[in-house]
Amino acid sequence: MVIYTFMQYFQFCCIFLAFIFSLRTINNDKVVGCMKGFYWYSVVAVILSGISLFNLLGDTKFLHLALIINKISFIFHYAFLSLFIFRALNVDALRRIFIPLFFAFLLCILVLLFETILQADSFLINSLTNFFLVTFSLFYYYDLFGGKPVRNLFNQSSFWVISGLFLCLTVTIPLNVMKTLLVAKNDMSLNLFITNTAIFFYAVMHLFFIKAYSCSINPTKA
């Protein structure tokens, strides 16, 4: 549990740092188009982390409400990041495929949300949401590597956001599936190890976002 607590604080620090960097992009005319408004993701992440931290510190009065808020946040997580990926696409054919898939996936998430809203775990909706986002990330990579060469890929904000997202989600999807099996078998030690690993990669994702915020304002110095 000591490692779990440490990982929670590490994640919160990474999210808070990303939030601090995001403040530089608010109403900043130098920000590249795809990053305009992206700071809202860090704002919501800080709020949700604050709620989790509040429960971690021992006040569990609002634990049930926090679980419901966390589940509802998956809709924001999916919609916000999906639309970011959509704006990063350049190929019209991919955009035409993207739109119906977006609404079909959103319907699946909403149905699952209403069916499991009162259940404590969120492994299934988490895995499903992340799987859909990984699918859309592949659209971006297909567009990126199939189009015109980019002069300096590492200065592209969209590359850092989507790469951080892709790295995090491709690791956490199988981890969530394993957690579901381990909870059924009551293997709590391995379950805790997997949880800590997932938290670490979510923290790393926000470190990628910090790089993206830096590139969005001054790509050559980021």
Protein backbone atom coordinates (compact mmCIF):
# COMPACT_ATOMS: atom_id res chain seq x y z
CA MET A 1 0.00 0.00 0.00
CA VAL A 2 2.98 2.34 0.53
CA ILE A 3 3.95 1.98 -3.13
CA TYR A 4 0.32 2.51 -4.17
CA THR A 5 0.15 5.75 -2.16
CA PHE A 6 3.47 6.91 -3.64
CA MET A 7 2.23 6.20 -7.18
CA GLN A 8 -0.97 8.12 -6.53
CA TYR A 9 1.03 11.15 -5.39
CA PHE A 10 3.41 10.77 -8.34
CA GLN A 11 0.47 10.73 -10.73
CA PHE A 12 -1.08 13.77 -9.07
CA CYS A 13 2.24 15.67 -9.31
CA CYS A 14 2.52 14.90 -13.05
CA ILE A 15 -1.09 15.97 -13.65
CA PHE A 16 -0.57 19.16 -11.65
CA LEU A 17 2.64 19.96 -13.55
CA ALA A 18 0.81 19.48 -16.85
CA PHE A 19 -1.92 21.79 -15.55
CA ILE A 20 0.69 24.46 -14.70
CA PHE A 21 2.18 24.22 -18.20
CA SER A 22 -1.31 24.34 -19.74
CA LEU A 23 -1.96 27.74 -18.13
CA ARG A 24 0.59 29.27 -20.53
CA THR A 25 -1.59 28.28 -23.49
CA ILE A 26 -4.79 30.00 -22.30
CA ASN A 27 -5.65 32.94 -24.59
CA ASN A 28 -2.18 32.71 -26.10
CA ASP A 29 -2.13 33.68 -29.79
CA LYS A 30 1.12 31.76 -30.36
CA VAL A 31 -0.47 28.39 -29.59
CA VAL A 32 -0.76 26.09 -32.60
CA GLY A 33 -4.29 25.37 -33.75
CA CYS A 34 -4.65 21.77 -32.53
CA MET A 35 -3.66 22.75 -28.97
CA LYS A 36 -6.12 25.60 -28.57
CA GLY A 37 -8.45 24.58 -25.75
CA PHE A 38 -6.50 21.42 -24.90
CA TYR A 39 -5.78 22.90 -21.46
CA TRP A 40 -9.33 21.86 -20.48
CA TYR A 41 -8.16 18.25 -20.35
CA SER A 42 -5.57 19.14 -17.71
CA VAL A 43 -8.10 21.25 -15.81
CA VAL A 44 -10.55 18.34 -15.57
CA ALA A 45 -7.70 15.92 -14.74
CA VAL A 46 -6.64 18.12 -11.80
CA ILE A 47 -10.22 18.26 -10.49
CA LEU A 48 -10.65 14.48 -10.72
CA SER A 49 -7.24 13.90 -9.14
CA GLY A 50 -8.18 16.26 -6.32
CA ILE A 51 -11.28 14.18 -5.62
CA SER A 52 -9.20 10.97 -5.63
CA LEU A 53 -6.57 12.57 -3.39
CA PHE A 54 -9.31 13.67 -0.98
CA ASN A 55 -10.45 10.04 -0.68
CA LEU A 56 -6.87 8.80 -0.44
CA LEU A 57 -6.26 11.00 2.59
CA GLY A 58 -8.91 9.06 4.46
CA ASP A 59 -12.21 10.91 4.01
CA THR A 60 -14.42 8.27 2.37
CA LYS A 61 -17.78 9.99 2.99
CA PHE A 62 -18.11 10.81 -0.69
CA LEU A 63 -16.44 7.67 -2.05
CA HIS A 64 -19.59 6.42 -3.80
CA LEU A 65 -20.18 9.82 -5.42
CA ALA A 66 -16.53 9.96 -6.45
CA LEU A 67 -16.87 6.57 -8.18
CA ILE A 68 -19.89 7.80 -10.14
CA ILE A 69 -18.09 11.02 -11.14
CA ASN A 70 -15.08 8.97 -12.22
CA LYS A 71 -17.26 6.79 -14.45
CA ILE A 72 -19.01 9.77 -16.03
CA SER A 73 -15.59 11.30 -16.69
CA PHE A 74 -14.90 8.51 -19.20
CA ILE A 75 -17.35 10.22 -21.57
CA PHE A 76 -15.30 13.43 -21.38
CA HIS A 77 -12.06 11.43 -21.68
CA TYR A 78 -13.31 9.68 -24.81
CA ALA A 79 -15.03 12.61 -26.52
CA PHE A 80 -12.32 15.21 -25.83
CA LEU A 81 -9.36 13.09 -26.95
CA SER A 82 -11.24 11.63 -29.93
CA LEU A 83 -12.03 15.11 -31.22
CA PHE A 84 -8.40 16.13 -30.69
CA ILE A 85 -7.28 13.20 -32.86
CA PHE A 86 -9.93 14.09 -35.45
CA ARG A 87 -8.56 17.65 -35.71
CA ALA A 88 -5.04 16.25 -36.18
CA LEU A 89 -6.09 14.19 -39.22
CA ASN A 90 -5.37 15.55 -42.70
CA VAL A 91 -6.80 12.82 -44.95
CA ASP A 92 -10.49 13.40 -45.75
CA ALA A 93 -11.13 9.67 -46.27
CA LEU A 94 -10.02 8.95 -42.72
CA ARG A 95 -12.20 11.77 -41.39
CA ARG A 96 -15.26 10.32 -43.16
CA ILE A 97 -14.65 6.92 -41.52
CA PHE A 98 -13.87 8.54 -38.19
CA ILE A 99 -17.21 10.34 -37.72
CA PRO A 100 -19.62 7.34 -37.79
CA LEU A 101 -17.19 5.31 -35.70
CA PHE A 102 -17.03 8.09 -33.13
CA PHE A 103 -20.79 8.07 -32.59
CA ALA A 104 -21.02 4.26 -32.65
CA PHE A 105 -18.30 3.97 -30.01
CA LEU A 106 -19.89 6.76 -27.95
CA LEU A 107 -23.20 4.87 -27.95
CA CYS A 108 -21.43 1.72 -26.68
CA ILE A 109 -19.80 3.71 -23.86
CA LEU A 110 -23.11 5.33 -22.86
CA VAL A 111 -24.94 1.98 -22.76
CA LEU A 112 -22.20 0.40 -20.66
CA LEU A 113 -22.11 3.44 -18.39
CA PHE A 114 -25.82 3.26 -17.59
CA GLU A 115 -25.61 -0.50 -17.02
CA THR A 116 -22.68 -0.27 -14.59
CA ILE A 117 -23.12 3.20 -13.04
CA LEU A 118 -23.84 1.77 -9.56
CA GLN A 119 -21.08 -0.84 -9.65
CA ALA A 120 -17.85 -0.10 -7.80
CA ASP A 121 -15.38 -1.27 -10.45
CA SER A 122 -14.79 0.52 -13.75
CA PHE A 123 -12.47 -1.96 -15.44
CA LEU A 124 -14.79 -2.77 -18.34
CA ILE A 125 -15.78 0.77 -19.29
CA ASN A 126 -12.17 1.87 -18.83
CA SER A 127 -10.88 -0.85 -21.16
CA LEU A 128 -13.58 -0.21 -23.76
CA THR A 129 -13.02 3.55 -23.80
CA ASN A 130 -9.26 3.13 -24.06
CA PHE A 131 -9.60 0.55 -26.84
CA PHE A 132 -11.64 3.01 -28.91
CA LEU A 133 -9.06 5.75 -28.35
CA VAL A 134 -6.24 3.41 -29.38
CA THR A 135 -8.18 2.68 -32.59
CA PHE A 136 -8.40 6.40 -33.36
CA SER A 137 -4.71 6.85 -32.52
CA LEU A 138 -3.92 4.31 -35.25
CA PHE A 139 -5.87 6.53 -37.65
CA TYR A 140 -3.48 9.35 -36.75
CA TYR A 141 -0.34 7.24 -37.27
CA TYR A 142 -1.65 5.96 -40.60
CA ASP A 143 -2.28 9.57 -41.63
CA LEU A 144 1.08 10.75 -40.27
CA PHE A 145 3.33 8.15 -41.86
CA GLY A 146 1.32 7.81 -45.06
CA GLY A 147 1.30 11.53 -45.86
CA LYS A 148 3.94 14.14 -46.59
CA PRO A 149 7.09 13.86 -44.43
CA VAL A 150 7.15 16.21 -41.43
CA ARG A 151 10.29 18.33 -41.15
CA ASN A 152 10.69 17.76 -37.40
CA LEU A 153 8.20 15.35 -35.90
CA PHE A 154 9.41 15.97 -32.34
CA ASN A 155 8.26 19.59 -32.53
CA GLN A 156 4.69 18.57 -33.34
CA SER A 157 2.34 18.99 -30.36
CA SER A 158 -0.20 16.53 -31.76
CA PHE A 159 2.51 13.85 -32.02
CA TRP A 160 3.35 14.16 -28.30
CA VAL A 161 -0.28 14.16 -27.16
CA ILE A 162 -1.31 11.16 -29.23
CA SER A 163 1.93 9.25 -28.60
CA GLY A 164 1.55 9.72 -24.85
CA LEU A 165 -2.04 8.59 -25.11
CA PHE A 166 -1.16 5.60 -27.29
CA LEU A 167 1.68 4.46 -25.01
CA CYS A 168 -0.45 4.74 -21.89
CA LEU A 169 -3.55 3.04 -23.26
CA THR A 170 -1.82 0.15 -25.03
CA VAL A 171 -0.23 -0.74 -21.70
CA THR A 172 -3.28 -0.21 -19.48
CA ILE A 173 -5.85 -2.07 -21.63
CA PRO A 174 -4.32 -5.54 -21.02
CA LEU A 175 -3.64 -4.55 -17.41
CA ASN A 176 -7.34 -3.79 -16.87
CA VAL A 177 -8.28 -7.14 -18.40
CA MET A 178 -5.84 -8.88 -16.04
CA LYS A 179 -7.22 -6.95 -13.06
CA THR A 180 -10.71 -8.23 -13.82
CA LEU A 181 -9.42 -11.83 -13.70
CA LEU A 182 -7.32 -11.24 -10.60
CA VAL A 183 -10.19 -9.68 -8.64
CA ALA A 184 -12.26 -12.76 -9.40
CA LYS A 185 -9.42 -14.93 -8.07
CA ASN A 186 -8.78 -12.65 -5.04
CA ASP A 187 -5.10 -12.31 -5.97
CA MET A 188 -4.70 -8.91 -4.32
CA SER A 189 -0.87 -8.67 -4.33
CA LEU A 190 -0.56 -9.04 -8.11
CA ASN A 191 -3.66 -6.88 -8.56
CA LEU A 192 -1.98 -4.09 -6.58
CA PHE A 193 1.19 -4.40 -8.70
CA ILE A 194 -0.86 -4.05 -11.89
CA THR A 195 -2.72 -1.05 -10.44
CA ASN A 196 0.57 0.67 -9.61
CA THR A 197 1.87 0.02 -13.13
CA ALA A 198 -1.27 1.50 -14.68
CA ILE A 199 -1.05 4.60 -12.46
CA PHE A 200 2.60 5.06 -13.48
CA PHE A 201 1.77 5.04 -17.19
CA TYR A 202 -1.12 7.47 -16.71
CA ALA A 203 1.39 9.78 -15.01
CA VAL A 204 3.82 9.36 -17.92
CA MET A 205 1.02 10.31 -20.34
CA HIS A 206 0.72 13.69 -18.63
CA LEU A 207 4.49 14.16 -18.91
CA PHE A 208 4.03 13.75 -22.68
CA PHE A 209 1.33 16.42 -22.47
CA ILE A 210 3.83 18.79 -20.83
CA LYS A 211 6.10 18.34 -23.86
CA ALA A 212 3.11 19.02 -26.12
CA TYR A 213 2.27 22.25 -24.27
CA SER A 214 5.90 23.38 -24.66
CA CYS A 215 5.88 22.61 -28.39
CA SER A 216 2.57 24.38 -28.87
CA ILE A 217 4.05 27.75 -27.89
CA ASN A 218 7.66 27.56 -29.08
CA PRO A 219 8.42 24.36 -31.04
CA THR A 220 12.08 25.21 -31.74
CA LYS A 221 12.94 25.64 -28.04
CA ALA A 222 10.75 22.89 -26.60
